[in-house]
Amino acid sequence: MKSNPLIPYGIIVVLGIVLMCIIGFYGASQIGNDQAKGGGGATADASPKQIFEKNCASCHGQNLEGGMGPSLQHIGSKLSKEQILEQIKNGGGAMPGGLIQGEEAKKVAEWLAKKK
């Protein structure tokens, strides 16, 4: 008696679905771990420039030249570190607040305040 030719395909489908579920749960747990570490994906030892490139450069440009957001090339001559930090925290205009938080926000504010 011949076996059903669809059984091997069914086994492959079931194993594929199980594997996708395992990978999905693993990925979701990694996102949770990253956020619990203080996150958003940036490491604690990231430089201010790296933090800026990850969170701000899409609007302000890779070289601070501006784009959708204003140029930040000489922002330190216009705003103090505290004012820049306040802008990062609260946003303003089209910029949403809280894109960078905590120590990362302080690092970026200090770095930008030196751009004169």
Protein backbone atom coordinates (compact mmCIF):
# COMPACT_ATOMS: atom_id res chain seq x y z
CA MET A 1 0.00 0.00 0.00
CA LYS A 2 1.33 3.43 -0.92
CA SER A 3 1.60 6.24 1.61
CA ASN A 4 -0.05 9.62 1.11
CA PRO A 5 2.36 11.89 -0.87
CA LEU A 6 1.14 15.00 0.98
CA ILE A 7 2.35 13.85 4.41
CA PRO A 8 5.99 15.01 3.94
CA TYR A 9 4.77 18.43 2.82
CA GLY A 10 2.43 18.65 5.79
CA ILE A 11 5.27 17.84 8.17
CA ILE A 12 7.43 20.55 6.57
CA VAL A 13 4.61 23.09 6.90
CA VAL A 14 4.03 22.24 10.57
CA LEU A 15 7.76 22.41 11.37
CA GLY A 16 8.03 25.74 9.52
CA ILE A 17 5.16 27.25 11.51
CA VAL A 18 6.64 26.02 14.81
CA LEU A 19 10.05 27.44 13.87
CA MET A 20 8.53 30.83 12.95
CA CYS A 21 6.74 30.97 16.31
CA ILE A 22 9.94 30.16 18.20
CA ILE A 23 11.92 32.81 16.31
CA GLY A 24 9.12 35.35 16.81
CA PHE A 25 8.97 34.78 20.56
CA TYR A 26 12.75 34.95 20.83
CA GLY A 27 12.83 38.27 18.90
CA ALA A 28 10.07 39.73 21.05
CA SER A 29 11.94 38.78 24.21
CA GLN A 30 15.10 40.45 22.88
CA ILE A 31 13.20 43.69 22.26
CA GLY A 32 11.86 43.56 25.81
CA ASN A 33 15.36 42.95 27.19
CA ASP A 34 16.79 45.85 25.19
CA GLN A 35 14.11 48.23 26.42
CA ALA A 36 14.58 47.07 30.01
CA LYS A 37 18.28 47.90 29.77
CA GLY A 38 17.45 51.53 29.08
CA GLY A 39 16.99 51.56 25.67
CA GLY A 40 15.73 52.12 22.34
CA GLY A 41 18.64 50.11 21.04
CA ALA A 42 21.50 52.50 21.81
CA THR A 43 24.17 51.30 24.15
CA ALA A 44 25.18 53.15 27.28
CA ASP A 45 28.66 53.74 25.91
CA ALA A 46 27.47 55.17 22.57
CA SER A 47 29.02 58.48 21.59
CA PRO A 48 26.81 61.56 21.29
CA LYS A 49 27.38 61.50 17.53
CA GLN A 50 26.19 57.87 17.32
CA ILE A 51 23.10 58.70 19.37
CA PHE A 52 22.42 61.71 17.13
CA GLU A 53 22.87 59.65 13.95
CA LYS A 54 20.45 57.01 15.20
CA ASN A 55 17.72 59.34 16.46
CA CYS A 56 18.09 62.79 14.90
CA ALA A 57 19.99 62.68 11.61
CA SER A 58 16.95 61.68 9.57
CA CYS A 59 15.55 65.20 10.12
CA HIS A 60 18.64 67.28 10.93
CA GLY A 61 21.05 65.65 8.45
CA GLN A 62 24.12 63.48 8.95
CA ASN A 63 26.34 66.58 9.05
CA LEU A 64 23.89 68.73 11.04
CA GLU A 65 23.08 70.58 7.81
CA GLY A 66 19.33 70.38 8.27
CA GLY A 67 16.63 68.87 6.13
CA MET A 68 13.12 68.50 7.45
CA GLY A 69 14.49 69.93 10.69
CA PRO A 70 16.65 73.02 11.04
CA SER A 71 20.43 73.05 10.68
CA LEU A 72 22.27 72.40 13.93
CA GLN A 73 25.76 73.21 12.70
CA HIS A 74 26.03 76.35 14.88
CA ILE A 75 23.29 75.65 17.41
CA GLY A 76 25.69 76.13 20.35
CA SER A 77 26.04 79.82 19.48
CA LYS A 78 22.25 80.26 19.66
CA LEU A 79 21.19 77.99 22.53
CA SER A 80 22.81 76.87 25.79
CA LYS A 81 23.22 73.23 26.78
CA GLU A 82 20.20 73.55 29.07
CA GLN A 83 18.04 75.04 26.31
CA ILE A 84 19.08 72.30 23.89
CA LEU A 85 18.31 69.65 26.52
CA GLU A 86 14.89 71.23 27.09
CA GLN A 87 14.22 71.12 23.33
CA ILE A 88 15.22 67.45 23.20
CA LYS A 89 12.99 66.59 26.17
CA ASN A 90 9.90 68.61 25.22
CA GLY A 91 10.22 69.02 21.47
CA GLY A 92 8.84 72.04 19.70
CA GLY A 93 7.61 72.98 16.28
CA ALA A 94 7.43 69.75 14.28
CA MET A 95 9.90 67.99 16.57
CA PRO A 96 8.37 65.51 18.99
CA GLY A 97 9.74 65.45 22.52
CA GLY A 98 11.42 62.50 24.16
CA LEU A 99 13.16 61.01 21.15
CA ILE A 100 16.26 60.74 23.33
CA GLN A 101 16.00 60.43 27.10
CA GLY A 102 18.11 60.40 30.23
CA GLU A 103 21.89 60.37 29.99
CA GLU A 104 21.78 60.04 26.21
CA ALA A 105 19.84 63.31 25.95
CA LYS A 106 22.38 65.02 28.20
CA LYS A 107 25.29 63.72 26.11
CA VAL A 108 23.73 64.96 22.87
CA ALA A 109 22.83 68.35 24.39
CA GLU A 110 26.39 68.85 25.61
CA TRP A 111 27.79 67.78 22.22
CA LEU A 112 25.47 70.11 20.30
CA ALA A 113 26.18 73.03 22.67
CA LYS A 114 29.81 72.87 21.50
CA LYS A 115 28.73 73.41 17.86
CA LYS A 116 29.46 77.13 17.53
